[in-house]
């Protein structure tokens, strides 16, 4: 099977930018994020990093799309599943909680934002 990427997918990938650790998303609950944990298997693939690797697309000064190459869903379930390149359960839960709180703050502009943005 051959994987093809259409123009729309290319545009999405082009607009994704790193969400910097100083971004309001990571302190949406009023507390700094702190160190992020990854699953043991993930560490064998991505190394000993301790910061999130979220990417986003900004619209009107806010991150409107959040993308994570590293798995969040299995971490949210909280099970010690092997073979997953993703966040630890505690970190996945913290990241998703902050993302939901950030999204719920309608009209509040981000303190900082990724470099790219969607055009209206």
Protein backbone atom coordinates (compact mmCIF):
# COMPACT_ATOMS: atom_id res chain seq x y z
CA UNK A 1 0.00 0.00 0.00
CA UNK A 2 1.35 3.40 -0.96
CA UNK A 3 0.83 6.34 1.38
CA UNK A 4 0.11 9.61 -0.37
CA UNK A 5 -0.22 13.05 1.13
CA UNK A 6 -2.62 15.45 -0.51
CA UNK A 7 -2.33 19.24 -0.65
CA UNK A 8 -4.54 19.75 2.41
CA UNK A 9 -2.40 17.44 4.53
CA UNK A 10 0.76 19.22 3.39
CA UNK A 11 -0.78 22.55 4.39
CA UNK A 12 -1.62 21.26 7.88
CA UNK A 13 1.92 19.89 8.37
CA UNK A 14 3.40 23.16 7.12
CA UNK A 15 1.43 25.20 9.65
CA UNK A 16 2.25 23.08 12.68
CA UNK A 17 4.80 24.75 14.94
CA UNK A 18 6.28 23.80 18.29
CA UNK A 19 4.25 24.96 21.28
CA UNK A 20 6.95 26.49 23.47
CA UNK A 21 7.10 25.59 27.17
CA UNK A 22 6.41 29.27 28.07
CA UNK A 23 3.06 29.13 26.24
CA UNK A 24 -0.09 29.83 28.28
CA UNK A 25 -1.38 26.34 27.39
CA UNK A 26 1.14 24.79 29.79
CA UNK A 27 0.00 26.92 32.74
CA UNK A 28 -3.72 27.10 31.98
CA UNK A 29 -4.56 25.80 35.46
CA UNK A 30 -2.46 28.52 37.10
CA UNK A 31 0.48 26.20 37.81
CA UNK A 32 3.60 25.60 35.74
CA UNK A 33 3.80 22.21 34.04
CA UNK A 34 7.14 21.05 35.44
CA UNK A 35 9.00 18.04 34.07
CA UNK A 36 7.17 15.72 31.70
CA UNK A 37 7.56 11.96 31.91
CA UNK A 38 7.60 9.51 29.03
CA UNK A 39 7.00 5.77 28.96
CA UNK A 40 10.04 3.51 29.22
CA UNK A 41 9.70 2.35 25.62
CA UNK A 42 9.43 5.95 24.43
CA UNK A 43 12.71 6.83 26.12
CA UNK A 44 14.48 4.17 24.04
CA UNK A 45 13.28 5.96 20.91
CA UNK A 46 13.28 9.68 21.79
CA UNK A 47 15.93 9.89 24.50
CA UNK A 48 15.94 11.41 27.96
CA UNK A 49 13.85 14.53 27.36
CA UNK A 50 11.61 16.00 30.04
CA UNK A 51 9.56 18.62 28.17
CA UNK A 52 6.40 18.18 26.10
CA UNK A 53 6.70 17.95 22.33
CA UNK A 54 3.32 19.34 21.36
CA UNK A 55 2.85 21.18 18.08
CA UNK A 56 0.03 23.51 17.21
CA UNK A 57 -1.66 25.74 14.70
CA UNK A 58 -2.51 29.24 15.87
CA UNK A 59 -5.59 31.19 14.85
CA UNK A 60 -6.45 34.65 16.15
CA UNK A 61 -3.59 34.55 18.66
CA UNK A 62 -4.59 31.22 20.21
CA UNK A 63 -3.57 27.64 19.59
CA UNK A 64 -6.59 26.21 17.79
CA UNK A 65 -5.14 22.80 16.88
CA UNK A 66 -2.90 20.71 19.13
CA UNK A 67 -0.95 17.79 17.71
CA UNK A 68 1.22 15.26 19.52
CA UNK A 69 3.35 12.72 17.69
CA UNK A 70 3.83 11.03 21.07
CA UNK A 71 0.80 9.11 22.31
CA UNK A 72 -1.45 10.71 24.91
CA UNK A 73 -4.43 8.33 24.85
CA UNK A 74 -2.81 5.25 26.41
CA UNK A 75 -1.37 7.48 29.12
CA UNK A 76 -4.87 8.76 29.88
CA UNK A 77 -6.06 5.19 30.37
CA UNK A 78 -3.30 4.77 32.94
CA UNK A 79 -2.22 1.26 31.98
CA UNK A 80 1.43 0.15 31.82
CA UNK A 81 1.30 -0.90 28.16
CA UNK A 82 4.65 -1.74 26.54
CA UNK A 83 5.64 -0.66 23.04
CA UNK A 84 4.04 2.80 23.18
CA UNK A 85 5.96 5.91 22.26
CA UNK A 86 4.13 8.32 24.48
CA UNK A 87 3.76 10.18 27.73
CA UNK A 88 3.54 8.63 31.18
CA UNK A 89 0.02 8.44 32.64
CA UNK A 90 0.61 11.38 35.00
CA UNK A 91 2.08 13.57 32.24
CA UNK A 92 -0.59 12.65 29.68
CA UNK A 93 -3.29 13.55 32.21
CA UNK A 94 -1.58 16.84 33.12
CA UNK A 95 -1.12 17.83 29.45
CA UNK A 96 -4.70 17.04 28.51
CA UNK A 97 -6.09 18.80 31.58
CA UNK A 98 -4.14 21.93 30.74
CA UNK A 99 -5.15 21.74 27.07
CA UNK A 100 -8.84 21.48 27.99
CA UNK A 101 -8.62 24.37 30.46
CA UNK A 102 -6.79 26.45 27.85
CA UNK A 103 -9.47 25.68 25.26
CA UNK A 104 -12.22 26.61 27.72
CA UNK A 105 -10.78 30.11 28.23
CA UNK A 106 -12.67 31.74 25.39
CA UNK A 107 -11.29 35.05 24.23
CA UNK A 108 -8.18 34.87 26.39
CA UNK A 109 -5.15 35.47 24.21
CA UNK A 110 -2.11 33.30 24.70
CA UNK A 111 0.97 34.77 26.36
CA UNK A 112 3.09 33.38 23.55
CA UNK A 113 2.19 31.40 20.47
CA UNK A 114 3.73 29.20 17.80
CA UNK A 115 5.19 31.11 14.88
CA UNK A 116 2.57 30.11 12.33
CA UNK A 117 -1.09 31.05 12.14
CA UNK A 118 -4.14 30.28 10.04
CA UNK A 119 -5.48 32.97 7.77
CA UNK A 120 -9.13 33.92 8.14
